[in-house]
Amino acid sequence: YASMRDPQARGGAAAAEIEKLARDEKLAISAIALDVLSEASIEVTVKTILAEAGRIDVVIHNAGHMVFGPVEAFTPEQLAQLYDVNVLGTQRVNRAVLPHMRGLGRALMIWIGSSSTRGGTPPFLAPYFA
């Protein structure tokens, strides 16, 4: 499964890319909705995957939100939303999947980091790097 906040966004382009990749490479993968800001969304998605596949062996944390601009341009609420997606979203997913994954006795979690951390800090990314 490839989870995304809204598989039908932009006319379903992201979901269509996943479906094409699956067809071309003969992979068993499909797009599924999951919003890391919503515990309810995560719970429904995890239950759906477990009902359809019977297990979750691997979770890849790749959700991220980036903002550009001088740090003083962002409200505390905007910074909180950035943190919510980039940090707390991971914990919400972990809480939903780890009990099942621990029961398997063997599973894998992967965190995708940002390439922005290499080569110095580009201007106007202070909120993202905080």
C-alpha atoms as a PDB file:
ATOM      1  CA  TYR A   1       0.000   0.000   0.000  1.00  0.00           C
ATOM      2  CA  ALA A   2       1.074   3.558  -0.689  1.00  0.00           C
ATOM      3  CA  SER A   3      -0.760   5.864   1.662  1.00  0.00           C
ATOM      4  CA  MET A   4      -1.474   9.476   0.852  1.00  0.00           C
ATOM      5  CA  ARG A   5      -3.720  12.142   2.313  1.00  0.00           C
ATOM      6  CA  ASP A   6      -5.989  12.289  -0.735  1.00  0.00           C
ATOM      7  CA  PRO A   7      -5.392   9.728  -3.492  1.00  0.00           C
ATOM      8  CA  GLN A   8      -7.938  11.492  -5.720  1.00  0.00           C
ATOM      9  CA  ALA A   9      -6.326  14.948  -5.425  1.00  0.00           C
ATOM     10  CA  ARG A  10      -5.416  16.643  -8.676  1.00  0.00           C
ATOM     11  CA  GLY A  11      -7.641  14.263 -10.586  1.00  0.00           C
ATOM     12  CA  GLY A  12      -6.154  11.172  -8.995  1.00  0.00           C
ATOM     13  CA  ALA A  13      -2.726  11.726 -10.543  1.00  0.00           C
ATOM     14  CA  ALA A  14      -0.797  10.329  -7.561  1.00  0.00           C
ATOM     15  CA  ALA A  15      -2.987   7.231  -7.321  1.00  0.00           C
ATOM     16  CA  ALA A  16      -2.723   6.724 -11.088  1.00  0.00           C
ATOM     17  CA  GLU A  17       1.083   6.839 -10.841  1.00  0.00           C
ATOM     18  CA  ILE A  18       1.024   4.138  -8.160  1.00  0.00           C
ATOM     19  CA  GLU A  19      -1.317   1.983 -10.244  1.00  0.00           C
ATOM     20  CA  LYS A  20       0.891   2.399 -13.330  1.00  0.00           C
ATOM     21  CA  LEU A  21       4.019   1.487 -11.365  1.00  0.00           C
ATOM     22  CA  ALA A  22       2.267  -1.586  -9.977  1.00  0.00           C
ATOM     23  CA  ARG A  23       1.204  -2.680 -13.468  1.00  0.00           C
ATOM     24  CA  ASP A  24       4.542  -1.967 -15.140  1.00  0.00           C
ATOM     25  CA  GLU A  25       6.655  -3.620 -12.454  1.00  0.00           C
ATOM     26  CA  LYS A  26       4.146  -6.348 -11.530  1.00  0.00           C
ATOM     27  CA  LEU A  27       3.942  -5.119  -7.930  1.00  0.00           C
ATOM     28  CA  ALA A  28       1.155  -5.732  -5.454  1.00  0.00           C
ATOM     29  CA  ILE A  29       0.719  -2.101  -4.415  1.00  0.00           C
ATOM     30  CA  SER A  30      -2.223   0.253  -4.357  1.00  0.00           C
ATOM     31  CA  ALA A  31      -2.964   3.772  -3.155  1.00  0.00           C
ATOM     32  CA  ILE A  32      -4.903   4.188   0.072  1.00  0.00           C
ATOM     33  CA  ALA A  33      -6.042   7.317   1.916  1.00  0.00           C
ATOM     34  CA  LEU A  34      -4.286   8.166   5.179  1.00  0.00           C
ATOM     35  CA  ASP A  35      -4.052  11.605   6.793  1.00  0.00           C
ATOM     36  CA  VAL A  36      -1.287  11.711   9.421  1.00  0.00           C
ATOM     37  CA  LEU A  37      -3.096  14.601  11.133  1.00  0.00           C
ATOM     38  CA  SER A  38      -6.113  12.397  11.875  1.00  0.00           C
ATOM     39  CA  GLU A  39      -6.042   9.486  14.304  1.00  0.00           C
ATOM     40  CA  ALA A  40      -9.412   8.387  12.905  1.00  0.00           C
ATOM     41  CA  SER A  41      -8.016   8.292   9.362  1.00  0.00           C
ATOM     42  CA  ILE A  42      -4.994   6.307  10.506  1.00  0.00           C
ATOM     43  CA  GLU A  43      -7.144   3.849  12.455  1.00  0.00           C
ATOM     44  CA  VAL A  44      -9.453   3.228   9.481  1.00  0.00           C
ATOM     45  CA  THR A  45      -6.517   2.788   7.112  1.00  0.00           C
ATOM     46  CA  VAL A  46      -4.663   0.371   9.381  1.00  0.00           C
ATOM     47  CA  LYS A  47      -7.834  -1.685   9.913  1.00  0.00           C
ATOM     48  CA  THR A  48      -8.449  -1.748   6.153  1.00  0.00           C
ATOM     49  CA  ILE A  49      -4.920  -2.921   5.395  1.00  0.00           C
ATOM     50  CA  LEU A  50      -5.066  -5.601   8.079  1.00  0.00           C
ATOM     51  CA  ALA A  51      -8.451  -6.806   6.798  1.00  0.00           C
ATOM     52  CA  GLU A  52      -7.223  -6.961   3.196  1.00  0.00           C
ATOM     53  CA  ALA A  53      -3.608  -8.069   3.632  1.00  0.00           C
ATOM     54  CA  GLY A  54      -3.655  -9.690   7.054  1.00  0.00           C
ATOM     55  CA  ARG A  55      -0.469  -8.018   8.217  1.00  0.00           C
ATOM     56  CA  ILE A  56       1.733  -4.934   8.090  1.00  0.00           C
ATOM     57  CA  ASP A  57       5.394  -5.845   7.694  1.00  0.00           C
ATOM     58  CA  VAL A  58       6.915  -2.484   6.756  1.00  0.00           C
ATOM     59  CA  VAL A  59       6.047   1.142   7.459  1.00  0.00           C
ATOM     60  CA  ILE A  60       7.913   3.895   5.642  1.00  0.00           C
ATOM     61  CA  HIS A  61       7.491   7.318   7.223  1.00  0.00           C
ATOM     62  CA  ASN A  62       7.666   9.764   4.340  1.00  0.00           C
ATOM     63  CA  ALA A  63       4.985  12.358   5.112  1.00  0.00           C
ATOM     64  CA  GLY A  64       6.451  15.816   5.369  1.00  0.00           C
ATOM     65  CA  HIS A  65       5.499  19.429   5.008  1.00  0.00           C
ATOM     66  CA  MET A  66       7.932  22.172   4.054  1.00  0.00           C
ATOM     67  CA  VAL A  67       7.472  25.923   4.216  1.00  0.00           C
ATOM     68  CA  PHE A  68       9.565  28.708   2.719  1.00  0.00           C
ATOM     69  CA  GLY A  69      10.008  32.239   3.985  1.00  0.00           C
ATOM     70  CA  PRO A  70      11.653  34.302   6.701  1.00  0.00           C
ATOM     71  CA  VAL A  71      11.009  32.837  10.136  1.00  0.00           C
ATOM     72  CA  GLU A  72       9.224  35.950  11.404  1.00  0.00           C
ATOM     73  CA  ALA A  73       6.602  35.578   8.667  1.00  0.00           C
ATOM     74  CA  PHE A  74       5.159  32.427  10.266  1.00  0.00           C
ATOM     75  CA  THR A  75       2.632  32.396  13.064  1.00  0.00           C
ATOM     76  CA  PRO A  76       3.047  30.018  15.990  1.00  0.00           C
ATOM     77  CA  GLU A  77       0.015  28.141  14.649  1.00  0.00           C
ATOM     78  CA  GLN A  78       1.727  27.585  11.286  1.00  0.00           C
ATOM     79  CA  LEU A  79       4.840  26.271  13.014  1.00  0.00           C
ATOM     80  CA  ALA A  80       2.667  23.995  15.165  1.00  0.00           C
ATOM     81  CA  GLN A  81       1.031  22.557  12.034  1.00  0.00           C
ATOM     82  CA  LEU A  82       4.452  21.915  10.491  1.00  0.00           C
ATOM     83  CA  TYR A  83       5.522  20.065  13.649  1.00  0.00           C
ATOM     84  CA  ASP A  84       2.216  18.211  13.746  1.00  0.00           C
ATOM     85  CA  VAL A  85       2.707  16.768  10.254  1.00  0.00           C
ATOM     86  CA  ASN A  86       6.451  16.161  10.403  1.00  0.00           C
ATOM     87  CA  VAL A  87       6.774  14.826  13.955  1.00  0.00           C
ATOM     88  CA  LEU A  88       3.471  14.014  15.621  1.00  0.00           C
ATOM     89  CA  GLY A  89       2.063  12.376  12.488  1.00  0.00           C
ATOM     90  CA  THR A  90       4.803   9.767  12.734  1.00  0.00           C
ATOM     91  CA  GLN A  91       3.879   9.028  16.336  1.00  0.00           C
ATOM     92  CA  ARG A  92       0.189   8.674  15.460  1.00  0.00           C
ATOM     93  CA  VAL A  93       1.034   6.079  12.812  1.00  0.00           C
ATOM     94  CA  ASN A  94       3.453   4.295  15.172  1.00  0.00           C
ATOM     95  CA  ARG A  95       0.781   3.973  17.862  1.00  0.00           C
ATOM     96  CA  ALA A  96      -1.608   2.423  15.362  1.00  0.00           C
ATOM     97  CA  VAL A  97       0.768  -0.083  13.749  1.00  0.00           C
ATOM     98  CA  LEU A  98       3.356  -1.026  16.371  1.00  0.00           C
ATOM     99  CA  PRO A  99       1.128  -3.320  18.465  1.00  0.00           C
ATOM    100  CA  HIS A 100       0.417  -5.385  15.347  1.00  0.00           C
ATOM    101  CA  MET A 101       4.012  -5.252  14.111  1.00  0.00           C
ATOM    102  CA  ARG A 102       5.382  -6.349  17.497  1.00  0.00           C
ATOM    103  CA  GLY A 103       3.016  -9.323  17.367  1.00  0.00           C
ATOM    104  CA  LEU A 104       4.657 -10.439  14.120  1.00  0.00           C
ATOM    105  CA  GLY A 105       7.995 -10.793  15.863  1.00  0.00           C
ATOM    106  CA  ARG A 106       9.724  -9.233  12.883  1.00  0.00           C
ATOM    107  CA  ALA A 107       8.875  -6.019  11.056  1.00  0.00           C
ATOM    108  CA  LEU A 108      10.572  -2.898   9.736  1.00  0.00           C
ATOM    109  CA  MET A 109      10.058   0.844  10.183  1.00  0.00           C
ATOM    110  CA  ILE A 110      11.898   3.303   7.953  1.00  0.00           C
ATOM    111  CA  TRP A 111      12.068   7.083   8.324  1.00  0.00           C
ATOM    112  CA  ILE A 112      12.822   9.117   5.211  1.00  0.00           C
ATOM    113  CA  GLY A 113      14.898  12.170   6.085  1.00  0.00           C
ATOM    114  CA  SER A 114      15.107  15.411   4.215  1.00  0.00           C
ATOM    115  CA  SER A 115      17.866  16.000   1.701  1.00  0.00           C
ATOM    116  CA  SER A 116      17.674  19.651   2.792  1.00  0.00           C
ATOM    117  CA  THR A 117      19.865  18.831   5.782  1.00  0.00           C
ATOM    118  CA  ARG A 118      22.890  18.278   3.560  1.00  0.00           C
ATOM    119  CA  GLY A 119      25.040  21.067   2.238  1.00  0.00           C
ATOM    120  CA  GLY A 120      24.073  23.878   4.566  1.00  0.00           C
ATOM    121  CA  THR A 121      20.823  25.634   5.253  1.00  0.00           C
ATOM    122  CA  PRO A 122      19.154  27.321   2.297  1.00  0.00           C
ATOM    123  CA  PRO A 123      17.729  30.742   3.105  1.00  0.00           C
ATOM    124  CA  PHE A 124      14.117  30.985   4.216  1.00  0.00           C
ATOM    125  CA  LEU A 125      13.855  27.444   5.611  1.00  0.00           C
ATOM    126  CA  ALA A 126      14.248  28.250   9.323  1.00  0.00           C
ATOM    127  CA  PRO A 127      10.745  27.035  10.286  1.00  0.00           C
ATOM    128  CA  TYR A 128      11.342  23.733   8.514  1.00  0.00           C
ATOM    129  CA  PHE A 129      14.707  23.152  10.189  1.00  0.00           C
ATOM    130  CA  ALA A 130      13.434  24.074  13.635  1.00  0.00           C
END
